[in-house]
Amino acid sequence: MQKNDTTENKLLTISEASKYLSIHETTLRRFEKNGLVSPFRIGARRDRRYSYEMLDKILEKSVNSHN
C-alpha cells in the first residue's frame, strides 16, 4: 500500500495498517499492548484506526534498531 497526498490524512484499519507495515495484525495488536502504538478507537465497537504518521514512527524505530 502506497501513500500519497490524498491518503496522507486517511485513517487505516488494522488490516490496512498491517499490510502497510508488512506485519501480521496480531503483531500490531501486540505493539499496542506493549505501548509502541496507540491507535484511535472509533464507533461503538471501538475499532482501531491508525494514521500513516504513527505507522511511519514504527518503521523509523524498526530501522533505527537495526543500525
Protein backbone atom coordinates (compact mmCIF):
# COMPACT_ATOMS: atom_id res chain seq x y z
CA MET A 1 0.00 0.00 0.00
CA GLN A 2 1.41 3.32 -1.08
CA LYS A 3 0.55 6.64 0.48
CA ASN A 4 0.09 9.83 -1.49
CA ASP A 5 -1.17 13.38 -0.92
CA THR A 6 -4.83 12.33 -0.95
CA THR A 7 -4.35 9.47 1.52
CA GLU A 8 -1.90 11.21 3.88
CA ASN A 9 -4.66 12.04 6.41
CA LYS A 10 -6.64 8.82 6.00
CA LEU A 11 -7.05 6.55 9.00
CA LEU A 12 -6.29 2.92 8.25
CA THR A 13 -7.98 -0.20 9.57
CA ILE A 14 -5.83 -2.77 11.35
CA SER A 15 -5.82 -4.84 8.15
CA GLU A 16 -4.64 -1.91 6.03
CA ALA A 17 -2.07 -0.86 8.65
CA SER A 18 -0.61 -4.36 8.94
CA LYS A 19 -0.27 -4.56 5.15
CA TYR A 20 1.43 -1.14 5.09
CA LEU A 21 3.95 -2.35 7.70
CA SER A 22 4.20 -5.87 6.20
CA ILE A 23 3.41 -7.47 9.55
CA HIS A 24 0.57 -9.63 10.86
CA GLU A 25 -2.44 -7.99 12.54
CA THR A 26 -1.60 -9.85 15.76
CA THR A 27 1.84 -8.23 15.79
CA LEU A 28 0.24 -4.81 15.50
CA ARG A 29 -2.08 -5.63 18.42
CA ARG A 30 0.99 -6.75 20.41
CA PHE A 31 2.69 -3.43 19.61
CA GLU A 32 -0.35 -1.68 21.08
CA LYS A 33 -0.32 -3.87 24.19
CA ASN A 34 3.38 -3.07 24.70
CA GLY A 35 2.82 0.68 24.25
CA LEU A 36 4.59 1.04 20.91
CA VAL A 37 1.49 2.46 19.21
CA SER A 38 -1.79 3.97 20.41
CA PRO A 39 -4.43 3.63 17.71
CA PHE A 40 -7.53 5.77 17.62
CA ARG A 41 -10.71 3.94 18.66
CA ILE A 42 -13.87 4.71 16.74
CA GLY A 43 -17.51 3.67 16.79
CA ALA A 44 -19.49 1.57 19.21
CA ARG A 45 -17.24 -1.43 18.55
CA ARG A 46 -14.16 0.66 19.39
CA ASP A 47 -12.44 -0.38 16.15
CA ARG A 48 -8.76 0.52 15.85
CA ARG A 49 -7.64 3.14 13.33
CA TYR A 50 -4.06 4.07 12.52
CA SER A 51 -2.59 7.15 10.88
CA TYR A 52 0.30 6.98 8.45
CA GLU A 53 2.22 9.21 10.86
CA MET A 54 2.02 6.71 13.73
CA LEU A 55 2.87 3.81 11.42
CA ASP A 56 5.87 5.66 9.99
CA LYS A 57 7.16 6.14 13.54
CA ILE A 58 7.05 2.36 14.00
CA LEU A 59 9.02 1.96 10.76
CA GLU A 60 11.60 4.53 11.91
CA LYS A 61 12.07 2.74 15.24
CA SER A 62 12.48 -0.55 13.39
CA VAL A 63 15.08 0.88 11.01
CA ASN A 64 16.97 2.62 13.83
CA SER A 65 17.03 -0.54 15.97
CA HIS A 66 18.68 -2.45 13.12
CA ASN A 67 21.52 0.08 12.71
